[in-house]
Amino acid sequence: MIFISLALLWTTEVPAAEPRVLLMRGWFNVFSTGMDSLAEKLRAKGINAEVAGHYHWDTALAEILRDRAAGKTEPLVLIGHSQGANNSIVLAHSLKAHHVPVDLLITLAPFMQGIVPSNVVHAINYYQSPGWGSPLIAERGFQGKLSNVDLSSDLTIFHITIDKNSKIHEAIVREIADLPQPKVPAFSKPSIARPRSPERPLGYAGATR
């Protein structure tokens, strides 16, 4: 009987938890349609992606806390455009108060935004200088990775097109696909790890500052 139990443990594979991705649009829910097309690209890869208005952040906070209380610990990704970018940072701060990490925070053209809280593992900011948006700054105690990508050299990008840019979409999809997977518990048969891409630029030719 003991041998049977051990055999079952060995052959039981723990499925990797796909990340939960929340994309928030900017003001009026009109100009950030690129969030919808990006979500479709993520769903096509089997990634749970939800699109909402920037005002949805407090509802999302309650949902995430409820899921964590139920034992769900999938990687968390927050993406926002314009005011949605600002509110993604607000949501990250609110999650910090409950000791919930944000695995990836991506902002597109934030303006007068808050600082990045220390519970964020990796923050990527796409902006234009001069132009709309500004670099992100992390709070004291931040130990994650912060990447500011200046797109001012690309004259085809401005505030209402940055969320629709295919190169930025490709870079974001790669970053989410490369998120570390949860560890397989001891005694379980090791699953084949998803290979990580080699060290590379963020996928866009803009200058990183």
Protein backbone atom coordinates (compact mmCIF):
# COMPACT_ATOMS: atom_id res chain seq x y z
CA MET A 1 0.00 0.00 0.00
CA ILE A 2 2.88 2.34 0.83
CA PHE A 3 4.48 1.66 -2.54
CA ILE A 4 1.21 2.42 -4.34
CA SER A 5 0.89 5.74 -2.51
CA LEU A 6 4.45 6.70 -3.37
CA ALA A 7 3.86 5.81 -7.00
CA LEU A 8 0.78 8.01 -7.12
CA LEU A 9 2.69 10.91 -5.62
CA TRP A 10 5.50 10.50 -8.14
CA THR A 11 3.18 10.44 -11.14
CA THR A 12 1.04 13.35 -9.99
CA GLU A 13 1.99 16.54 -11.81
CA VAL A 14 1.06 19.92 -10.42
CA PRO A 15 -0.20 22.19 -13.21
CA ALA A 16 1.59 25.52 -13.43
CA ALA A 17 -0.57 28.45 -12.38
CA GLU A 18 -1.05 30.82 -15.29
CA PRO A 19 -0.72 34.49 -14.37
CA ARG A 20 -3.75 36.65 -13.72
CA VAL A 21 -3.55 39.80 -15.85
CA LEU A 22 -5.61 42.94 -15.25
CA LEU A 23 -5.54 45.63 -17.95
CA MET A 24 -7.03 49.03 -17.15
CA ARG A 25 -8.06 51.63 -19.72
CA GLY A 26 -7.67 55.40 -19.41
CA TRP A 27 -10.29 58.10 -19.07
CA PHE A 28 -13.73 57.64 -20.69
CA ASN A 29 -12.99 54.05 -21.79
CA VAL A 30 -12.68 55.32 -25.36
CA PHE A 31 -9.04 55.90 -26.24
CA SER A 32 -7.46 52.78 -24.72
CA THR A 33 -8.80 50.17 -27.13
CA GLY A 34 -5.29 48.75 -27.40
CA MET A 35 -5.86 47.20 -23.97
CA ASP A 36 -8.61 45.07 -25.51
CA SER A 37 -6.50 43.83 -28.43
CA LEU A 38 -3.59 43.10 -26.07
CA ALA A 39 -5.91 41.07 -23.85
CA GLU A 40 -7.06 39.07 -26.87
CA LYS A 41 -3.43 38.22 -27.71
CA LEU A 42 -2.86 37.05 -24.14
CA ARG A 43 -6.03 34.95 -24.08
CA ALA A 44 -4.96 33.31 -27.33
CA LYS A 45 -1.97 31.98 -25.38
CA GLY A 46 -4.18 30.67 -22.58
CA ILE A 47 -3.44 33.52 -20.19
CA ASN A 48 -6.26 34.83 -18.01
CA ALA A 49 -6.56 38.50 -19.04
CA GLU A 50 -9.30 40.90 -17.92
CA VAL A 51 -9.92 44.43 -19.26
CA ALA A 52 -11.66 47.12 -17.22
CA GLY A 53 -11.89 50.86 -16.77
CA HIS A 54 -9.39 52.66 -14.56
CA TYR A 55 -12.06 53.04 -11.84
CA HIS A 56 -12.17 49.24 -11.48
CA TRP A 57 -9.06 49.14 -9.31
CA ASP A 58 -10.90 49.01 -5.96
CA THR A 59 -13.19 46.22 -7.17
CA ALA A 60 -10.12 44.35 -8.42
CA LEU A 61 -8.50 44.81 -5.02
CA ALA A 62 -11.42 43.10 -3.28
CA GLU A 63 -11.40 40.26 -5.83
CA ILE A 64 -7.66 39.65 -5.52
CA LEU A 65 -7.79 39.65 -1.72
CA ARG A 66 -10.71 37.22 -1.78
CA ASP A 67 -8.82 34.88 -4.12
CA ARG A 68 -5.69 35.04 -1.96
CA ALA A 69 -7.74 34.19 1.11
CA ALA A 70 -9.02 31.15 -0.82
CA GLY A 71 -5.45 30.00 -1.44
CA LYS A 72 -5.00 31.18 -5.04
CA THR A 73 -1.44 32.40 -5.54
CA GLU A 74 -1.05 32.74 -9.30
CA PRO A 75 1.37 35.42 -10.55
CA LEU A 76 -0.27 38.84 -10.66
CA VAL A 77 0.23 41.27 -13.57
CA LEU A 78 -1.13 44.83 -13.65
CA ILE A 79 -1.14 46.78 -16.91
CA GLY A 80 -2.57 50.25 -17.48
CA HIS A 81 -2.71 53.03 -20.04
CA SER A 82 -2.86 56.73 -19.09
CA GLN A 83 -5.09 57.04 -16.00
CA GLY A 84 -5.30 53.26 -16.00
CA ALA A 85 -1.52 53.25 -15.56
CA ASN A 86 -1.80 55.60 -12.60
CA ASN A 87 -4.50 53.45 -11.02
CA SER A 88 -2.43 50.31 -11.57
CA ILE A 89 0.14 51.89 -9.28
CA VAL A 90 -2.61 52.82 -6.80
CA LEU A 91 -3.78 49.19 -6.83
CA ALA A 92 -0.21 47.97 -6.27
CA HIS A 93 0.07 50.23 -3.21
CA SER A 94 -3.23 48.91 -1.85
CA LEU A 95 -2.04 45.33 -2.31
CA LYS A 96 1.17 46.16 -0.45
CA ALA A 97 -0.89 47.01 2.61
CA HIS A 98 -2.15 43.40 2.54
CA HIS A 99 1.31 41.90 1.83
CA VAL A 100 0.33 40.79 -1.68
CA PRO A 101 3.17 40.95 -4.26
CA VAL A 102 2.72 42.25 -7.80
CA ASP A 103 4.88 40.13 -10.08
CA LEU A 104 4.77 42.52 -13.03
CA LEU A 105 3.57 46.11 -13.31
CA ILE A 106 3.44 47.65 -16.81
CA THR A 107 2.48 51.28 -17.37
CA LEU A 108 1.86 53.02 -20.69
CA ALA A 109 2.17 56.82 -20.68
CA PRO A 110 1.43 57.52 -17.02
CA PHE A 111 1.29 61.17 -15.99
CA MET A 112 1.67 62.62 -12.47
CA GLN A 113 1.76 59.04 -11.23
CA GLY A 114 2.68 57.76 -7.80
CA ILE A 115 5.90 55.99 -6.91
CA VAL A 116 6.30 52.24 -7.40
CA PRO A 117 5.75 50.37 -4.12
CA SER A 118 8.22 47.82 -2.77
CA ASN A 119 5.88 44.84 -3.27
CA VAL A 120 6.37 45.09 -7.07
CA VAL A 121 8.85 42.54 -8.39
CA HIS A 122 9.32 44.10 -11.85
CA ALA A 123 7.98 47.39 -13.19
CA ILE A 124 8.19 48.44 -16.86
CA ASN A 125 7.17 51.91 -17.97
CA TYR A 126 6.73 52.99 -21.60
CA TYR A 127 6.70 56.77 -21.98
CA GLN A 128 7.89 59.70 -24.13
CA SER A 129 10.26 62.46 -23.13
CA PRO A 130 9.49 65.12 -24.16
CA GLY A 131 5.90 64.15 -24.55
CA TRP A 132 3.19 62.48 -22.52
CA GLY A 133 4.25 60.41 -19.59
CA SER A 134 7.29 60.40 -17.35
CA PRO A 135 9.75 57.91 -15.81
CA LEU A 136 8.69 55.80 -12.86
CA ILE A 137 10.41 56.20 -9.52
CA ALA A 138 10.48 53.48 -6.86
CA GLU A 139 9.96 54.04 -3.17
CA ARG A 140 12.66 53.50 -0.57
CA GLY A 141 13.13 49.81 0.15
CA PHE A 142 12.26 48.72 -3.40
CA GLN A 143 14.37 45.70 -4.32
CA GLY A 144 12.79 44.73 -7.61
CA LYS A 145 13.63 45.66 -11.17
CA LEU A 146 12.55 48.98 -12.66
CA SER A 147 12.73 49.64 -16.42
CA ASN A 148 11.83 53.01 -17.97
CA VAL A 149 11.60 52.79 -21.77
CA ASP A 150 11.68 56.15 -23.55
CA LEU A 151 9.90 55.97 -26.93
CA SER A 152 10.45 59.58 -27.98
CA SER A 153 12.57 58.48 -30.95
CA ASP A 154 9.54 56.78 -32.55
CA LEU A 155 7.48 59.54 -34.17
CA THR A 156 4.57 57.17 -34.85
CA ILE A 157 3.85 56.86 -31.13
CA PHE A 158 1.89 59.38 -29.10
CA HIS A 159 -0.54 59.26 -26.22
CA ILE A 160 -3.52 57.63 -27.93
CA THR A 161 -1.48 55.18 -30.01
CA ILE A 162 1.06 53.90 -27.48
CA ASP A 163 -1.42 51.30 -26.17
CA LYS A 164 -2.01 49.95 -29.70
CA ASN A 165 1.61 49.57 -30.82
CA SER A 166 2.31 46.01 -31.99
CA LYS A 167 5.97 46.06 -30.90
CA ILE A 168 5.00 47.04 -27.39
CA HIS A 169 2.33 44.34 -27.37
CA GLU A 170 4.89 41.72 -28.43
CA ALA A 171 7.28 42.82 -25.70
CA ILE A 172 4.54 42.69 -23.05
CA VAL A 173 3.38 39.22 -24.13
CA ARG A 174 6.97 37.95 -23.90
CA GLU A 175 7.46 39.42 -20.44
CA ILE A 176 4.30 37.74 -19.16
CA ALA A 177 5.14 34.42 -20.83
CA ASP A 178 8.57 34.52 -19.16
CA LEU A 179 7.26 34.94 -15.62
CA PRO A 180 8.73 32.29 -13.28
CA GLN A 181 6.49 29.31 -12.70
CA PRO A 182 5.58 28.01 -9.22
CA LYS A 183 7.88 25.32 -7.82
CA VAL A 184 6.76 21.69 -8.03
CA PRO A 185 6.26 20.22 -4.52
CA ALA A 186 8.65 17.52 -3.28
CA PHE A 187 7.81 13.90 -4.22
CA SER A 188 5.97 15.04 -7.31
CA LYS A 189 7.22 14.19 -10.75
CA PRO A 190 9.04 17.28 -12.02
CA SER A 191 7.23 18.96 -14.88
CA ILE A 192 9.14 20.34 -17.83
CA ALA A 193 9.95 23.96 -17.05
CA ARG A 194 9.05 26.57 -19.61
CA PRO A 195 12.35 27.80 -21.09
CA ARG A 196 13.12 31.44 -20.35
CA SER A 197 14.30 33.68 -23.10
CA PRO A 198 17.96 34.66 -22.92
CA GLU A 199 18.85 38.09 -21.62
CA ARG A 200 17.58 40.56 -24.20
CA PRO A 201 16.30 44.10 -24.53
CA LEU A 202 12.68 44.71 -23.62
CA GLY A 203 11.77 44.15 -27.25
CA TYR A 204 11.49 47.76 -28.28
CA ALA A 205 14.18 49.95 -29.78
CA GLY A 206 13.42 52.92 -27.56
CA ALA A 207 16.07 54.07 -25.11
CA THR A 208 15.86 52.61 -21.61
CA ARG A 209 16.39 55.08 -18.79
